PDB file of N, CA and C in Angstrom:
ATOM      1  N   UNK A   1     -23.520  73.825  86.786  1.00  0.00           N
ATOM      2  CA  UNK A   1     -22.821  74.849  86.020  1.00  0.00           C
ATOM      3  C   UNK A   1     -21.499  75.191  86.709  1.00  0.00           C
ATOM      4  N   UNK A   2     -20.516  75.571  85.935  1.00  0.00           N
ATOM      5  CA  UNK A   2     -19.179  75.847  86.450  1.00  0.00           C
ATOM      6  C   UNK A   2     -19.200  76.947  87.499  1.00  0.00           C
ATOM      7  N   UNK A   3     -19.863  78.049  87.205  1.00  0.00           N
ATOM      8  CA  UNK A   3     -19.824  79.182  88.116  1.00  0.00           C
ATOM      9  C   UNK A   3     -20.483  78.863  89.449  1.00  0.00           C
ATOM     10  N   UNK A   4     -21.509  78.044  89.452  1.00  0.00           N
ATOM     11  CA  UNK A   4     -22.162  77.673  90.706  1.00  0.00           C
ATOM     12  C   UNK A   4     -21.202  76.895  91.603  1.00  0.00           C
ATOM     13  N   UNK A   5     -20.396  76.030  91.030  1.00  0.00           N
ATOM     14  CA  UNK A   5     -19.459  75.239  91.829  1.00  0.00           C
ATOM     15  C   UNK A   5     -18.289  76.083  92.333  1.00  0.00           C
ATOM     16  N   UNK A   6     -18.118  77.243  91.790  1.00  0.00           N
ATOM     17  CA  UNK A   6     -17.026  78.129  92.196  1.00  0.00           C
ATOM     18  C   UNK A   6     -17.551  79.300  93.030  1.00  0.00           C
ATOM     19  N   UNK A   7     -18.667  79.107  93.729  1.00  0.00           N
ATOM     20  CA  UNK A   7     -19.327  80.188  94.461  1.00  0.00           C
ATOM     21  C   UNK A   7     -18.428  80.813  95.517  1.00  0.00           C
ATOM     22  N   UNK A   8     -17.619  80.028  96.204  1.00  0.00           N
ATOM     23  CA  UNK A   8     -16.750  80.563  97.249  1.00  0.00           C
ATOM     24  C   UNK A   8     -15.735  81.517  96.641  1.00  0.00           C
ATOM     25  N   UNK A   9     -15.111  81.117  95.528  1.00  0.00           N
ATOM     26  CA  UNK A   9     -14.144  81.977  94.861  1.00  0.00           C
ATOM     27  C   UNK A   9     -14.828  83.214  94.291  1.00  0.00           C
ATOM     28  N   UNK A  10     -16.031  83.055  93.781  1.00  0.00           N
ATOM     29  CA  UNK A  10     -16.749  84.161  93.154  1.00  0.00           C
ATOM     30  C   UNK A  10     -17.172  85.215  94.165  1.00  0.00           C
ATOM     31  N   UNK A  11     -17.347  84.841  95.420  1.00  0.00           N
ATOM     32  CA  UNK A  11     -17.806  85.797  96.428  1.00  0.00           C
ATOM     33  C   UNK A  11     -16.844  86.970  96.555  1.00  0.00           C
ATOM     34  N   UNK A  12     -15.583  86.759  96.352  1.00  0.00           N
ATOM     35  CA  UNK A  12     -14.620  87.852  96.482  1.00  0.00           C
ATOM     36  C   UNK A  12     -14.740  88.839  95.331  1.00  0.00           C
ATOM     37  N   UNK A  13     -15.361  88.443  94.219  1.00  0.00           N
ATOM     38  CA  UNK A  13     -15.567  89.329  93.075  1.00  0.00           C
ATOM     39  C   UNK A  13     -16.982  89.885  93.034  1.00  0.00           C
ATOM     40  N   UNK A  14     -17.751  89.686  94.108  1.00  0.00           N
ATOM     41  CA  UNK A  14     -19.129  90.159  94.154  1.00  0.00           C
ATOM     42  C   UNK A  14     -19.167  91.671  93.945  1.00  0.00           C
ATOM     43  N   UNK A  15     -20.033  92.112  93.066  1.00  0.00           N
ATOM     44  CA  UNK A  15     -20.175  93.530  92.778  1.00  0.00           C
ATOM     45  C   UNK A  15     -19.235  94.032  91.697  1.00  0.00           C
ATOM     46  N   UNK A  16     -18.274  93.211  91.274  1.00  0.00           N
ATOM     47  CA  UNK A  16     -17.346  93.607  90.215  1.00  0.00           C
ATOM     48  C   UNK A  16     -17.874  93.104  88.876  1.00  0.00           C
ATOM     49  N   UNK A  17     -17.657  93.881  87.849  1.00  0.00           N
ATOM     50  CA  UNK A  17     -18.061  93.448  86.524  1.00  0.00           C
ATOM     51  C   UNK A  17     -16.923  92.642  85.912  1.00  0.00           C
ATOM     52  N   UNK A  18     -17.187  91.392  85.605  1.00  0.00           N
ATOM     53  CA  UNK A  18     -16.194  90.518  84.992  1.00  0.00           C
ATOM     54  C   UNK A  18     -16.677  90.112  83.609  1.00  0.00           C
ATOM     55  N   UNK A  19     -15.759  89.629  82.802  1.00  0.00           N
ATOM     56  CA  UNK A  19     -16.087  89.163  81.459  1.00  0.00           C
ATOM     57  C   UNK A  19     -15.821  87.666  81.393  1.00  0.00           C
ATOM     58  N   UNK A  20     -16.788  86.931  80.884  1.00  0.00           N
ATOM     59  CA  UNK A  20     -16.639  85.482  80.722  1.00  0.00           C
ATOM     60  C   UNK A  20     -16.411  85.203  79.246  1.00  0.00           C
ATOM     61  N   UNK A  21     -15.315  84.505  78.943  1.00  0.00           N
ATOM     62  CA  UNK A  21     -14.951  84.180  77.566  1.00  0.00           C
ATOM     63  C   UNK A  21     -15.062  82.674  77.365  1.00  0.00           C
ATOM     64  N   UNK A  22     -15.739  82.274  76.298  1.00  0.00           N
ATOM     65  CA  UNK A  22     -15.755  80.859  75.906  1.00  0.00           C
ATOM     66  C   UNK A  22     -14.859  80.737  74.684  1.00  0.00           C
ATOM     67  N   UNK A  23     -13.817  79.926  74.789  1.00  0.00           N
ATOM     68  CA  UNK A  23     -12.806  79.820  73.750  1.00  0.00           C
ATOM     69  C   UNK A  23     -13.138  78.689  72.771  1.00  0.00           C
ATOM     70  N   UNK A  24     -12.458  78.688  71.631  1.00  0.00           N
ATOM     71  CA  UNK A  24     -12.715  77.685  70.590  1.00  0.00           C
ATOM     72  C   UNK A  24     -12.466  76.262  71.066  1.00  0.00           C
ATOM     73  N   UNK A  25     -11.574  76.090  72.050  1.00  0.00           N
ATOM     74  CA  UNK A  25     -11.309  74.746  72.583  1.00  0.00           C
ATOM     75  C   UNK A  25     -12.274  74.397  73.721  1.00  0.00           C
ATOM     76  N   UNK A  26     -13.348  75.181  73.873  1.00  0.00           N
ATOM     77  CA  UNK A  26     -14.408  74.995  74.875  1.00  0.00           C
ATOM     78  C   UNK A  26     -13.973  75.291  76.305  1.00  0.00           C
ATOM     79  N   UNK A  27     -12.770  75.841  76.504  1.00  0.00           N
ATOM     80  CA  UNK A  27     -12.415  76.288  77.844  1.00  0.00           C
ATOM     81  C   UNK A  27     -13.111  77.618  78.104  1.00  0.00           C
ATOM     82  N   UNK A  28     -13.243  77.968  79.373  1.00  0.00           N
ATOM     83  CA  UNK A  28     -13.875  79.216  79.772  1.00  0.00           C
ATOM     84  C   UNK A  28     -12.882  79.977  80.633  1.00  0.00           C
ATOM     85  N   UNK A  29     -12.727  81.272  80.345  1.00  0.00           N
ATOM     86  CA  UNK A  29     -11.880  82.106  81.188  1.00  0.00           C
ATOM     87  C   UNK A  29     -12.707  83.274  81.695  1.00  0.00           C
ATOM     88  N   UNK A  30     -12.342  83.756  82.871  1.00  0.00           N
ATOM     89  CA  UNK A  30     -13.026  84.888  83.483  1.00  0.00           C
ATOM     90  C   UNK A  30     -11.996  85.991  83.642  1.00  0.00           C
ATOM     91  N   UNK A  31     -12.334  87.179  83.145  1.00  0.00           N
ATOM     92  CA  UNK A  31     -11.410  88.289  83.199  1.00  0.00           C
ATOM     93  C   UNK A  31     -11.983  89.465  83.965  1.00  0.00           C
ATOM     94  N   UNK A  32     -11.081  90.209  84.591  1.00  0.00           N
ATOM     95  CA  UNK A  32     -11.425  91.452  85.281  1.00  0.00           C
ATOM     96  C   UNK A  32     -10.454  92.495  84.753  1.00  0.00           C
ATOM     97  N   UNK A  33     -10.945  93.357  83.858  1.00  0.00           N
ATOM     98  CA  UNK A  33     -10.050  94.290  83.182  1.00  0.00           C
ATOM     99  C   UNK A  33      -9.036  93.494  82.381  1.00  0.00           C
ATOM    100  N   UNK A  34      -7.746  93.846  82.496  1.00  0.00           N
ATOM    101  CA  UNK A  34      -6.729  93.115  81.730  1.00  0.00           C
ATOM    102  C   UNK A  34      -6.273  91.816  82.405  1.00  0.00           C
ATOM    103  N   UNK A  35      -6.866  91.488  83.543  1.00  0.00           N
ATOM    104  CA  UNK A  35      -6.414  90.332  84.319  1.00  0.00           C
ATOM    105  C   UNK A  35      -7.303  89.117  84.090  1.00  0.00           C
ATOM    106  N   UNK A  36      -6.677  87.973  83.922  1.00  0.00           N
ATOM    107  CA  UNK A  36      -7.422  86.713  83.859  1.00  0.00           C
ATOM    108  C   UNK A  36      -7.468  86.159  85.283  1.00  0.00           C
ATOM    109  N   UNK A  37      -8.673  86.030  85.823  1.00  0.00           N
ATOM    110  CA  UNK A  37      -8.786  85.605  87.216  1.00  0.00           C
ATOM    111  C   UNK A  37      -9.182  84.150  87.361  1.00  0.00           C
ATOM    112  N   UNK A  38      -9.526  83.498  86.261  1.00  0.00           N
ATOM    113  CA  UNK A  38      -9.855  82.084  86.323  1.00  0.00           C
ATOM    114  C   UNK A  38      -9.939  81.482  84.940  1.00  0.00           C
ATOM    115  N   UNK A  39      -9.596  80.200  84.855  1.00  0.00           N
ATOM    116  CA  UNK A  39      -9.705  79.465  83.594  1.00  0.00           C
ATOM    117  C   UNK A  39     -10.167  78.062  83.929  1.00  0.00           C
ATOM    118  N   UNK A  40     -11.134  77.564  83.142  1.00  0.00           N
ATOM    119  CA  UNK A  40     -11.763  76.286  83.449  1.00  0.00           C
ATOM    120  C   UNK A  40     -11.858  75.413  82.214  1.00  0.00           C
ATOM    121  N   UNK A  41     -11.633  74.123  82.402  1.00  0.00           N
ATOM    122  CA  UNK A  41     -11.772  73.129  81.339  1.00  0.00           C
ATOM    123  C   UNK A  41     -13.265  72.927  81.062  1.00  0.00           C
ATOM    124  N   UNK A  42     -13.598  72.318  79.929  1.00  0.00           N
ATOM    125  CA  UNK A  42     -15.009  72.087  79.617  1.00  0.00           C
ATOM    126  C   UNK A  42     -15.754  71.267  80.683  1.00  0.00           C
ATOM    127  N   UNK A  43     -15.035  70.423  81.420  1.00  0.00           N
ATOM    128  CA  UNK A  43     -15.685  69.615  82.461  1.00  0.00           C
ATOM    129  C   UNK A  43     -15.758  70.339  83.806  1.00  0.00           C
ATOM    130  N   UNK A  44     -15.290  71.602  83.861  1.00  0.00           N
ATOM    131  CA  UNK A  44     -15.401  72.397  85.081  1.00  0.00           C
ATOM    132  C   UNK A  44     -14.166  72.400  85.958  1.00  0.00           C
ATOM    133  N   UNK A  45     -13.151  71.644  85.604  1.00  0.00           N
ATOM    134  CA  UNK A  45     -11.934  71.620  86.410  1.00  0.00           C
ATOM    135  C   UNK A  45     -11.157  72.917  86.221  1.00  0.00           C
ATOM    136  N   UNK A  46     -10.574  73.398  87.305  1.00  0.00           N
ATOM    137  CA  UNK A  46      -9.797  74.630  87.266  1.00  0.00           C
ATOM    138  C   UNK A  46      -8.478  74.394  86.557  1.00  0.00           C
ATOM    139  N   UNK A  47      -8.131  75.300  85.651  1.00  0.00           N
ATOM    140  CA  UNK A  47      -6.850  75.271  84.952  1.00  0.00           C
ATOM    141  C   UNK A  47      -5.994  76.414  85.468  1.00  0.00           C
ATOM    142  N   UNK A  48      -4.697  76.315  85.285  1.00  0.00           N
ATOM    143  CA  UNK A  48      -3.807  77.393  85.694  1.00  0.00           C
ATOM    144  C   UNK A  48      -4.016  78.587  84.773  1.00  0.00           C
ATOM    145  N   UNK A  49      -4.036  79.778  85.359  1.00  0.00           N
ATOM    146  CA  UNK A  49      -4.148  80.990  84.560  1.00  0.00           C
ATOM    147  C   UNK A  49      -2.779  81.376  84.036  1.00  0.00           C
ATOM    148  N   UNK A  50      -2.745  82.306  83.089  1.00  0.00           N
ATOM    149  CA  UNK A  50      -1.473  82.765  82.544  1.00  0.00           C
ATOM    150  C   UNK A  50      -0.613  83.377  83.644  1.00  0.00           C
ATOM    151  N   UNK A  51      -1.212  84.080  84.595  1.00  0.00           N
ATOM    152  CA  UNK A  51      -0.474  84.684  85.694  1.00  0.00           C
ATOM    153  C   UNK A  51       0.179  83.626  86.569  1.00  0.00           C
ATOM    154  N   UNK A  52      -0.521  82.565  86.858  1.00  0.00           N
ATOM    155  CA  UNK A  52       0.040  81.478  87.675  1.00  0.00           C
ATOM    156  C   UNK A  52       1.217  80.825  86.962  1.00  0.00           C
ATOM    157  N   UNK A  53       1.098  80.647  85.664  1.00  0.00           N
ATOM    158  CA  UNK A  53       2.173  80.025  84.897  1.00  0.00           C
ATOM    159  C   UNK A  53       3.420  80.908  84.895  1.00  0.00           C
ATOM    160  N   UNK A  54       3.269  82.215  84.699  1.00  0.00           N
ATOM    161  CA  UNK A  54       4.441  83.107  84.625  1.00  0.00           C
ATOM    162  C   UNK A  54       5.091  83.282  85.993  1.00  0.00           C
ATOM    163  N   UNK A  55       4.313  83.253  87.085  1.00  0.00           N
ATOM    164  CA  UNK A  55       4.870  83.367  88.413  1.00  0.00           C
ATOM    165  C   UNK A  55       5.734  82.159  88.750  1.00  0.00           C
ATOM    166  N   UNK A  56       5.333  80.983  88.320  1.00  0.00           N
ATOM    167  CA  UNK A  56       6.063  79.768  88.606  1.00  0.00           C
ATOM    168  C   UNK A  56       7.365  79.693  87.803  1.00  0.00           C
ATOM    169  N   UNK A  57       7.379  80.298  86.605  1.00  0.00           N
ATOM    170  CA  UNK A  57       8.567  80.269  85.763  1.00  0.00           C
ATOM    171  C   UNK A  57       9.656  81.192  86.277  1.00  0.00           C
ATOM    172  N   UNK A  58       9.290  82.243  87.012  1.00  0.00           N
ATOM    173  CA  UNK A  58      10.267  83.229  87.512  1.00  0.00           C
ATOM    174  C   UNK A  58      11.117  82.681  88.616  1.00  0.00           C
TER     175      UNK A  58
END
């Protein structure tokens, strides 16, 4: 499962309530409040989040 392979990253969010979204294109995103903290392809590969994309454009 995707979340099991991301255990190291998930440890920093331990105890926080996050929302997992499954999108129509089968990608999965994880949100904390208004922030997207992770996005994953259907095969489990990490995708760039919207925040990462906007930081690189600046």
